[in-house]
Amino acid sequence: MEHDDLLRETYRLTLENNKMLHRMRRNAFWGGLLKFIMYAAFLLVPVWLYMQYLAPVVDQMFKTAQQIQGTGAQASAQFTDLQNAWQQFSQKFNPSQP
């Protein structure tokens, strides 16, 4: 009689332990999956935001900077041409200067 009670109690504890282990495994799986999703979001969301919102602004900024550099180069070339024209003009009135 006592032996049967001991076996039943052992069986009940085994079933309870098995259920608890299954819950722990399930929680560990979902927790790992949630961590993976969160880390992926932490890594991918900034990249997506950059590509979606910041990349066009940065691209436009680079195009504007290139236009400014091109305008500066054109102005420099025109200034050099103006200097050459001024030297030629001054040499016509002052032939003694080289």
Protein backbone atom coordinates (compact mmCIF):
# COMPACT_ATOMS: atom_id res chain seq x y z
CA MET A 1 0.00 0.00 0.00
CA GLU A 2 2.69 2.41 0.99
CA HIS A 3 4.71 1.25 -1.94
CA ASP A 4 1.83 2.10 -4.36
CA ASP A 5 1.49 5.56 -2.84
CA LEU A 6 5.21 6.12 -3.28
CA LEU A 7 5.04 5.02 -6.93
CA ARG A 8 2.05 7.27 -7.63
CA GLU A 9 3.74 10.23 -5.98
CA THR A 10 6.90 9.56 -7.98
CA TYR A 11 4.86 9.31 -11.18
CA ARG A 12 3.01 12.55 -10.38
CA LEU A 13 6.28 14.34 -9.67
CA THR A 14 7.75 12.98 -12.90
CA LEU A 15 4.79 14.24 -14.92
CA GLU A 16 4.96 17.63 -13.21
CA ASN A 17 8.70 17.83 -13.83
CA ASN A 18 8.20 16.86 -17.48
CA LYS A 19 5.56 19.58 -17.97
CA MET A 20 7.81 22.12 -16.29
CA LEU A 21 10.75 21.16 -18.51
CA HIS A 22 8.59 21.44 -21.64
CA ARG A 23 7.44 24.92 -20.55
CA MET A 24 11.03 25.93 -19.86
CA ARG A 25 12.15 24.72 -23.30
CA ARG A 26 9.23 26.46 -24.99
CA ASN A 27 9.94 29.70 -23.11
CA ALA A 28 13.65 29.43 -23.96
CA PHE A 29 12.80 28.94 -27.65
CA TRP A 30 10.42 31.91 -27.78
CA GLY A 31 12.84 34.02 -25.76
CA GLY A 32 15.68 33.18 -28.15
CA LEU A 33 13.48 33.92 -31.13
CA LEU A 34 12.41 37.23 -29.62
CA LYS A 35 16.05 38.16 -28.90
CA PHE A 36 16.98 37.29 -32.49
CA ILE A 37 14.16 39.45 -33.85
CA MET A 38 15.08 42.34 -31.58
CA TYR A 39 18.79 42.21 -32.49
CA ALA A 40 17.88 42.00 -36.17
CA ALA A 41 15.59 45.00 -35.73
CA PHE A 42 18.32 46.95 -33.90
CA LEU A 43 20.68 46.26 -36.79
CA LEU A 44 18.32 46.54 -39.75
CA VAL A 45 16.04 49.42 -38.73
CA PRO A 46 18.84 52.04 -38.78
CA VAL A 47 20.00 50.77 -42.17
CA TRP A 48 16.45 50.93 -43.50
CA LEU A 49 15.93 54.41 -42.07
CA TYR A 50 19.19 55.58 -43.65
CA MET A 51 18.25 54.13 -47.03
CA GLN A 52 14.72 55.46 -46.84
CA TYR A 53 15.20 58.96 -45.48
CA LEU A 54 18.85 59.96 -45.16
CA ALA A 55 20.37 58.55 -48.38
CA PRO A 56 18.44 60.90 -50.71
CA VAL A 57 19.45 63.89 -48.59
CA VAL A 58 23.10 62.82 -48.54
CA ASP A 59 23.02 62.16 -52.28
CA GLN A 60 21.56 65.62 -52.93
CA MET A 61 24.20 67.15 -50.64
CA PHE A 62 26.99 65.46 -52.62
CA LYS A 63 25.49 66.65 -55.91
CA THR A 64 25.29 70.19 -54.55
CA ALA A 65 28.90 70.02 -53.33
CA GLN A 66 30.00 68.83 -56.78
CA GLN A 67 28.09 71.68 -58.40
CA ILE A 68 29.76 74.14 -56.05
CA GLN A 69 33.18 72.69 -56.87
CA GLY A 70 32.39 72.88 -60.59
CA THR A 71 31.26 76.49 -60.23
CA GLY A 72 34.43 77.28 -58.28
CA ALA A 73 36.56 75.71 -61.01
CA GLN A 74 34.70 77.70 -63.69
CA ALA A 75 35.14 80.91 -61.70
CA SER A 76 38.84 80.16 -61.26
CA ALA A 77 39.23 79.53 -65.00
CA GLN A 78 37.37 82.75 -65.81
CA PHE A 79 39.52 84.67 -63.32
CA THR A 80 42.67 83.25 -64.93
CA ASP A 81 41.35 84.27 -68.36
CA LEU A 82 40.56 87.74 -66.98
CA GLN A 83 44.09 88.03 -65.56
CA ASN A 84 45.59 87.02 -68.91
CA ALA A 85 43.38 89.52 -70.73
CA TRP A 86 44.34 92.24 -68.25
CA GLN A 87 48.05 91.47 -68.74
CA GLN A 88 47.67 91.62 -72.52
CA PHE A 89 45.72 94.85 -72.21
CA SER A 90 48.31 96.42 -69.90
CA GLN A 91 51.16 95.30 -72.18
CA LYS A 92 49.59 97.17 -75.08
CA PHE A 93 49.74 100.43 -73.12
CA ASN A 94 53.02 99.67 -71.32
CA PRO A 95 55.33 97.86 -73.77
CA SER A 96 58.30 98.10 -71.36
CA GLN A 97 56.81 95.57 -68.91
CA PRO A 98 57.31 91.90 -69.78
